[in-house]
């Protein structure tokens, strides 16, 4: 199996680095959601445009946004 984002070997949907970034995004969203009223999509958009977000996190956020947009078109 390969990572849906970068094509590296993976045991699940993402490689190790993108999986860690995904987990970080999930943990961060829990904190943001408790602190303010923000949707999952808004949170991902904020991450994607934040200059302080790391490359791996931005990759995952962009992938999840694109995946969500594709699912909405169905």
PDB file of N, CA and C in Angstrom:
ATOM      1  N   UNK A   1       0.847  -1.169   0.000  1.00  0.00           N
ATOM      2  CA  UNK A   1       0.000   0.000   0.000  1.00  0.00           C
ATOM      3  C   UNK A   1       0.896   1.236   0.000  1.00  0.00           C
ATOM      4  N   UNK A   2       0.417   2.298  -0.635  1.00  0.00           N
ATOM      5  CA  UNK A   2       1.210   3.522  -0.664  1.00  0.00           C
ATOM      6  C   UNK A   2       0.396   4.711  -0.153  1.00  0.00           C
ATOM      7  N   UNK A   3       1.119   5.708   0.322  1.00  0.00           N
ATOM      8  CA  UNK A   3       0.517   6.926   0.868  1.00  0.00           C
ATOM      9  C   UNK A   3      -0.284   7.635  -0.220  1.00  0.00           C
ATOM     10  N   UNK A   4      -1.473   8.047   0.114  1.00  0.00           N
ATOM     11  CA  UNK A   4      -2.345   8.733  -0.847  1.00  0.00           C
ATOM     12  C   UNK A   4      -1.811  10.110  -1.230  1.00  0.00           C
ATOM     13  N   UNK A   5      -0.907  10.645  -0.416  1.00  0.00           N
ATOM     14  CA  UNK A   5      -0.394  11.993  -0.664  1.00  0.00           C
ATOM     15  C   UNK A   5       0.934  11.965  -1.414  1.00  0.00           C
ATOM     16  N   UNK A   6       1.891  11.186  -0.910  1.00  0.00           N
ATOM     17  CA  UNK A   6       3.241  11.242  -1.481  1.00  0.00           C
ATOM     18  C   UNK A   6       3.686   9.964  -2.183  1.00  0.00           C
ATOM     19  N   UNK A   7       2.942   8.881  -2.024  1.00  0.00           N
ATOM     20  CA  UNK A   7       3.293   7.634  -2.686  1.00  0.00           C
ATOM     21  C   UNK A   7       4.287   6.757  -1.945  1.00  0.00           C
ATOM     22  N   UNK A   8       4.780   7.223  -0.787  1.00  0.00           N
ATOM     23  CA  UNK A   8       5.688   6.386  -0.002  1.00  0.00           C
ATOM     24  C   UNK A   8       4.952   5.147   0.499  1.00  0.00           C
ATOM     25  N   UNK A   9       5.727   4.140   0.900  1.00  0.00           N
ATOM     26  CA  UNK A   9       5.118   2.937   1.466  1.00  0.00           C
ATOM     27  C   UNK A   9       4.326   3.304   2.713  1.00  0.00           C
ATOM     28  N   UNK A  10       3.179   2.660   2.872  1.00  0.00           N
ATOM     29  CA  UNK A  10       2.311   2.952   4.012  1.00  0.00           C
ATOM     30  C   UNK A  10       1.591   1.696   4.460  1.00  0.00           C
ATOM     31  N   UNK A  11       1.238   1.674   5.724  1.00  0.00           N
ATOM     32  CA  UNK A  11       0.458   0.563   6.269  1.00  0.00           C
ATOM     33  C   UNK A  11      -1.029   0.895   6.248  1.00  0.00           C
ATOM     34  N   UNK A  12      -1.333   2.172   6.071  1.00  0.00           N
ATOM     35  CA  UNK A  12      -2.727   2.610   6.006  1.00  0.00           C
ATOM     36  C   UNK A  12      -2.842   3.634   4.879  1.00  0.00           C
ATOM     37  N   UNK A  13      -3.746   4.563   5.013  1.00  0.00           N
ATOM     38  CA  UNK A  13      -3.971   5.571   3.970  1.00  0.00           C
ATOM     39  C   UNK A  13      -2.760   6.483   3.773  1.00  0.00           C
ATOM     40  N   UNK A  14      -2.009   6.702   4.870  1.00  0.00           N
ATOM     41  CA  UNK A  14      -0.874   7.626   4.826  1.00  0.00           C
ATOM     42  C   UNK A  14       0.429   6.949   5.239  1.00  0.00           C
ATOM     43  N   UNK A  15       1.550   7.522   4.784  1.00  0.00           N
ATOM     44  CA  UNK A  15       2.864   7.077   5.239  1.00  0.00           C
ATOM     45  C   UNK A  15       3.038   7.513   6.699  1.00  0.00           C
ATOM     46  N   UNK A  16       4.127   7.122   7.297  1.00  0.00           N
ATOM     47  CA  UNK A  16       4.355   7.431   8.715  1.00  0.00           C
ATOM     48  C   UNK A  16       4.305   8.937   8.986  1.00  0.00           C
ATOM     49  N   UNK A  17       4.965   9.723   8.173  1.00  0.00           N
ATOM     50  CA  UNK A  17       5.016  11.174   8.406  1.00  0.00           C
ATOM     51  C   UNK A  17       3.655  11.829   8.233  1.00  0.00           C
ATOM     52  N   UNK A  18       2.943  11.450   7.193  1.00  0.00           N
ATOM     53  CA  UNK A  18       1.616  12.029   6.982  1.00  0.00           C
ATOM     54  C   UNK A  18       0.618  11.513   8.024  1.00  0.00           C
ATOM     55  N   UNK A  19       0.802  10.282   8.490  1.00  0.00           N
ATOM     56  CA  UNK A  19      -0.059   9.738   9.552  1.00  0.00           C
ATOM     57  C   UNK A  19       0.132  10.529  10.843  1.00  0.00           C
ATOM     58  N   UNK A  20       1.383  10.850  11.170  1.00  0.00           N
ATOM     59  CA  UNK A  20       1.662  11.656  12.360  1.00  0.00           C
ATOM     60  C   UNK A  20       1.045  13.044  12.219  1.00  0.00           C
ATOM     61  N   UNK A  21       1.143  13.617  11.038  1.00  0.00           N
ATOM     62  CA  UNK A  21       0.542  14.928  10.792  1.00  0.00           C
ATOM     63  C   UNK A  21      -0.978  14.859  10.936  1.00  0.00           C
ATOM     64  N   UNK A  22      -1.577  13.787  10.429  1.00  0.00           N
ATOM     65  CA  UNK A  22      -3.030  13.605  10.535  1.00  0.00           C
ATOM     66  C   UNK A  22      -3.457  13.523  11.999  1.00  0.00           C
ATOM     67  N   UNK A  23      -2.724  12.755  12.790  1.00  0.00           N
ATOM     68  CA  UNK A  23      -3.036  12.647  14.218  1.00  0.00           C
ATOM     69  C   UNK A  23      -2.909  14.003  14.904  1.00  0.00           C
ATOM     70  N   UNK A  24      -1.905  14.764  14.521  1.00  0.00           N
ATOM     71  CA  UNK A  24      -1.711  16.102  15.078  1.00  0.00           C
ATOM     72  C   UNK A  24      -2.886  17.017  14.723  1.00  0.00           C
ATOM     73  N   UNK A  25      -3.368  16.905  13.501  1.00  0.00           N
ATOM     74  CA  UNK A  25      -4.522  17.696  13.064  1.00  0.00           C
ATOM     75  C   UNK A  25      -5.752  17.334  13.893  1.00  0.00           C
ATOM     76  N   UNK A  26      -5.979  16.049  14.098  1.00  0.00           N
ATOM     77  CA  UNK A  26      -7.134  15.608  14.887  1.00  0.00           C
ATOM     78  C   UNK A  26      -7.060  16.126  16.322  1.00  0.00           C
ATOM     79  N   UNK A  27      -5.885  16.027  16.933  1.00  0.00           N
ATOM     80  CA  UNK A  27      -5.710  16.512  18.306  1.00  0.00           C
ATOM     81  C   UNK A  27      -5.916  18.019  18.378  1.00  0.00           C
ATOM     82  N   UNK A  28      -5.363  18.731  17.419  1.00  0.00           N
ATOM     83  CA  UNK A  28      -5.512  20.183  17.386  1.00  0.00           C
ATOM     84  C   UNK A  28      -6.957  20.606  17.206  1.00  0.00           C
ATOM     85  N   UNK A  29      -7.684  19.868  16.388  1.00  0.00           N
ATOM     86  CA  UNK A  29      -9.089  20.218  16.149  1.00  0.00           C
ATOM     87  C   UNK A  29      -9.912  20.082  17.420  1.00  0.00           C
ATOM     88  N   UNK A  30      -9.651  19.066  18.207  1.00  0.00           N
ATOM     89  CA  UNK A  30     -10.378  18.903  19.477  1.00  0.00           C
ATOM     90  C   UNK A  30     -10.200  20.143  20.347  1.00  0.00           C
ATOM     91  N   UNK A  31      -8.973  20.642  20.416  1.00  0.00           N
ATOM     92  CA  UNK A  31      -8.690  21.828  21.227  1.00  0.00           C
ATOM     93  C   UNK A  31      -9.360  23.070  20.648  1.00  0.00           C
ATOM     94  N   UNK A  32      -9.261  23.254  19.348  1.00  0.00           N
ATOM     95  CA  UNK A  32      -9.868  24.421  18.703  1.00  0.00           C
ATOM     96  C   UNK A  32     -11.382  24.387  18.848  1.00  0.00           C
ATOM     97  N   UNK A  33     -11.963  23.215  18.681  1.00  0.00           N
ATOM     98  CA  UNK A  33     -13.419  23.086  18.751  1.00  0.00           C
ATOM     99  C   UNK A  33     -13.927  23.438  20.147  1.00  0.00           C
ATOM    100  N   UNK A  34     -13.163  23.068  21.174  1.00  0.00           N
ATOM    101  CA  UNK A  34     -13.548  23.412  22.539  1.00  0.00           C
ATOM    102  C   UNK A  34     -13.412  24.908  22.794  1.00  0.00           C
ATOM    103  N   UNK A  35     -12.405  25.527  22.219  1.00  0.00           N
ATOM    104  CA  UNK A  35     -12.140  26.947  22.453  1.00  0.00           C
ATOM    105  C   UNK A  35     -13.030  27.868  21.627  1.00  0.00           C
ATOM    106  N   UNK A  36     -13.407  27.438  20.450  1.00  0.00           N
ATOM    107  CA  UNK A  36     -14.209  28.290  19.570  1.00  0.00           C
ATOM    108  C   UNK A  36     -15.095  27.435  18.680  1.00  0.00           C
ATOM    109  N   UNK A  37     -16.103  28.048  18.158  1.00  0.00           N
ATOM    110  CA  UNK A  37     -17.020  27.328  17.271  1.00  0.00           C
ATOM    111  C   UNK A  37     -16.432  27.331  15.862  1.00  0.00           C
ATOM    112  N   UNK A  38     -15.823  26.226  15.480  1.00  0.00           N
ATOM    113  CA  UNK A  38     -15.199  26.139  14.160  1.00  0.00           C
ATOM    114  C   UNK A  38     -15.498  24.760  13.567  1.00  0.00           C
ATOM    115  N   UNK A  39     -15.844  24.751  12.309  1.00  0.00           N
ATOM    116  CA  UNK A  39     -16.127  23.475  11.641  1.00  0.00           C
ATOM    117  C   UNK A  39     -14.819  22.797  11.233  1.00  0.00           C
ATOM    118  N   UNK A  40     -14.922  21.524  10.930  1.00  0.00           N
ATOM    119  CA  UNK A  40     -13.769  20.748  10.467  1.00  0.00           C
ATOM    120  C   UNK A  40     -13.176  21.383   9.215  1.00  0.00           C
ATOM    121  N   UNK A  41     -14.040  21.752   8.284  1.00  0.00           N
ATOM    122  CA  UNK A  41     -13.586  22.355   7.026  1.00  0.00           C
ATOM    123  C   UNK A  41     -12.870  23.690   7.282  1.00  0.00           C
ATOM    124  N   UNK A  42     -13.453  24.526   8.122  1.00  0.00           N
ATOM    125  CA  UNK A  42     -12.821  25.812   8.445  1.00  0.00           C
ATOM    126  C   UNK A  42     -11.455  25.591   9.095  1.00  0.00           C
ATOM    127  N   UNK A  43     -11.384  24.612   9.972  1.00  0.00           N
ATOM    128  CA  UNK A  43     -10.123  24.295  10.640  1.00  0.00           C
ATOM    129  C   UNK A  43      -9.061  23.878   9.620  1.00  0.00           C
ATOM    130  N   UNK A  44      -9.436  23.001   8.704  1.00  0.00           N
ATOM    131  CA  UNK A  44      -8.487  22.560   7.675  1.00  0.00           C
ATOM    132  C   UNK A  44      -8.049  23.723   6.790  1.00  0.00           C
ATOM    133  N   UNK A  45      -8.972  24.610   6.459  1.00  0.00           N
ATOM    134  CA  UNK A  45      -8.630  25.781   5.646  1.00  0.00           C
ATOM    135  C   UNK A  45      -7.642  26.679   6.380  1.00  0.00           C
ATOM    136  N   UNK A  46      -7.845  26.854   7.682  1.00  0.00           N
ATOM    137  CA  UNK A  46      -6.924  27.666   8.487  1.00  0.00           C
ATOM    138  C   UNK A  46      -5.527  27.049   8.501  1.00  0.00           C
ATOM    139  N   UNK A  47      -5.459  25.751   8.664  1.00  0.00           N
ATOM    140  CA  UNK A  47      -4.165  25.059   8.665  1.00  0.00           C
ATOM    141  C   UNK A  47      -3.473  25.226   7.315  1.00  0.00           C
ATOM    142  N   UNK A  48      -4.215  25.025   6.247  1.00  0.00           N
ATOM    143  CA  UNK A  48      -3.636  25.073   4.902  1.00  0.00           C
ATOM    144  C   UNK A  48      -3.045  26.440   4.571  1.00  0.00           C
ATOM    145  N   UNK A  49      -3.645  27.510   5.088  1.00  0.00           N
ATOM    146  CA  UNK A  49      -3.146  28.853   4.751  1.00  0.00           C
ATOM    147  C   UNK A  49      -2.210  29.442   5.808  1.00  0.00           C
ATOM    148  N   UNK A  50      -2.063  28.774   6.943  1.00  0.00           N
ATOM    149  CA  UNK A  50      -1.220  29.282   8.021  1.00  0.00           C
ATOM    150  C   UNK A  50       0.257  29.113   7.656  1.00  0.00           C
ATOM    151  N   UNK A  51       1.018  30.219   7.618  1.00  0.00           N
ATOM    152  CA  UNK A  51       2.432  30.111   7.246  1.00  0.00           C
ATOM    153  C   UNK A  51       3.270  29.344   8.276  1.00  0.00           C
ATOM    154  N   UNK A  52       2.752  29.154   9.478  1.00  0.00           N
ATOM    155  CA  UNK A  52       3.490  28.446  10.520  1.00  0.00           C
ATOM    156  C   UNK A  52       3.174  26.953  10.574  1.00  0.00           C
ATOM    157  N   UNK A  53       2.225  26.514   9.771  1.00  0.00           N
ATOM    158  CA  UNK A  53       1.932  25.080   9.690  1.00  0.00           C
ATOM    159  C   UNK A  53       3.059  24.394   8.924  1.00  0.00           C
ATOM    160  N   UNK A  54       3.415  23.208   9.359  1.00  0.00           N
ATOM    161  CA  UNK A  54       4.472  22.458   8.683  1.00  0.00           C
ATOM    162  C   UNK A  54       4.004  21.854   7.367  1.00  0.00           C
ATOM    163  N   UNK A  55       4.964  21.467   6.553  1.00  0.00           N
ATOM    164  CA  UNK A  55       4.667  20.906   5.234  1.00  0.00           C
ATOM    165  C   UNK A  55       3.785  19.670   5.312  1.00  0.00           C
ATOM    166  N   UNK A  56       4.104  18.740   6.214  1.00  0.00           N
ATOM    167  CA  UNK A  56       3.353  17.486   6.300  1.00  0.00           C
ATOM    168  C   UNK A  56       1.905  17.752   6.694  1.00  0.00           C
ATOM    169  N   UNK A  57       1.712  18.664   7.638  1.00  0.00           N
ATOM    170  CA  UNK A  57       0.362  19.018   8.090  1.00  0.00           C
ATOM    171  C   UNK A  57      -0.405  19.700   6.960  1.00  0.00           C
ATOM    172  N   UNK A  58       0.256  20.599   6.259  1.00  0.00           N
ATOM    173  CA  UNK A  58      -0.401  21.273   5.130  1.00  0.00           C
ATOM    174  C   UNK A  58      -0.782  20.269   4.044  1.00  0.00           C
ATOM    175  N   UNK A  59       0.107  19.321   3.784  1.00  0.00           N
ATOM    176  CA  UNK A  59      -0.194  18.273   2.796  1.00  0.00           C
ATOM    177  C   UNK A  59      -1.477  17.535   3.164  1.00  0.00           C
ATOM    178  N   UNK A  60      -1.572  17.136   4.426  1.00  0.00           N
ATOM    179  CA  UNK A  60      -2.738  16.373   4.877  1.00  0.00           C
ATOM    180  C   UNK A  60      -3.991  17.238   4.837  1.00  0.00           C
ATOM    181  N   UNK A  61      -3.895  18.473   5.307  1.00  0.00           N
ATOM    182  CA  UNK A  61      -5.055  19.370   5.297  1.00  0.00           C
ATOM    183  C   UNK A  61      -5.551  19.582   3.870  1.00  0.00           C
ATOM    184  N   UNK A  62      -4.648  19.824   2.946  1.00  0.00           N
ATOM    185  CA  UNK A  62      -5.030  20.024   1.546  1.00  0.00           C
ATOM    186  C   UNK A  62      -5.665  18.766   0.964  1.00  0.00           C
ATOM    187  N   UNK A  63      -5.097  17.611   1.281  1.00  0.00           N
ATOM    188  CA  UNK A  63      -5.655  16.339   0.809  1.00  0.00           C
ATOM    189  C   UNK A  63      -7.072  16.142   1.344  1.00  0.00           C
ATOM    190  N   UNK A  64      -7.261  16.379   2.633  1.00  0.00           N
ATOM    191  CA  UNK A  64      -8.584  16.189   3.242  1.00  0.00           C
ATOM    192  C   UNK A  64      -9.609  17.169   2.675  1.00  0.00           C
ATOM    193  N   UNK A  65      -9.187  18.403   2.409  1.00  0.00           N
ATOM    194  CA  UNK A  65     -10.094  19.380   1.798  1.00  0.00           C
ATOM    195  C   UNK A  65     -10.496  18.939   0.392  1.00  0.00           C
ATOM    196  N   UNK A  66      -9.534  18.476  -0.389  1.00  0.00           N
ATOM    197  CA  UNK A  66      -9.820  18.018  -1.752  1.00  0.00           C
ATOM    198  C   UNK A  66     -10.720  16.785  -1.726  1.00  0.00           C
ATOM    199  N   UNK A  67     -10.447  15.876  -0.811  1.00  0.00           N
ATOM    200  CA  UNK A  67     -11.259  14.665  -0.681  1.00  0.00           C
ATOM    201  C   UNK A  67     -12.697  15.027  -0.304  1.00  0.00           C
ATOM    202  N   UNK A  68     -12.843  15.966   0.598  1.00  0.00           N
ATOM    203  CA  UNK A  68     -14.172  16.412   1.025  1.00  0.00           C
ATOM    204  C   UNK A  68     -14.923  17.067  -0.128  1.00  0.00           C
ATOM    205  N   UNK A  69     -14.226  17.894  -0.905  1.00  0.00           N
ATOM    206  CA  UNK A  69     -14.852  18.560  -2.052  1.00  0.00           C
ATOM    207  C   UNK A  69     -15.306  17.535  -3.088  1.00  0.00           C
ATOM    208  N   UNK A  70     -14.497  16.519  -3.314  1.00  0.00           N
ATOM    209  CA  UNK A  70     -14.851  15.476  -4.283  1.00  0.00           C
ATOM    210  C   UNK A  70     -16.069  14.688  -3.813  1.00  0.00           C
ATOM    211  N   UNK A  71     -16.143  14.425  -2.516  1.00  0.00           N
ATOM    212  CA  UNK A  71     -17.284  13.689  -1.969  1.00  0.00           C
ATOM    213  C   UNK A  71     -18.567  14.510  -2.035  1.00  0.00           C
ATOM    214  N   UNK A  72     -18.442  15.831  -1.884  1.00  0.00           N
ATOM    215  CA  UNK A  72     -19.617  16.707  -1.959  1.00  0.00           C
ATOM    216  C   UNK A  72     -20.201  16.737  -3.366  1.00  0.00           C
ATOM    217  N   UNK A  73     -19.367  16.537  -4.371  1.00  0.00           N
ATOM    218  CA  UNK A  73     -19.821  16.570  -5.766  1.00  0.00           C
ATOM    219  C   UNK A  73     -20.601  15.321  -6.147  1.00  0.00           C
ATOM    220  N   UNK A  74     -20.474  14.263  -5.357  1.00  0.00           N
ATOM    221  CA  UNK A  74     -21.162  12.999  -5.671  1.00  0.00           C
ATOM    222  C   UNK A  74     -22.635  13.099  -5.455  1.00  0.00           C
TER     223      UNK A  74
END
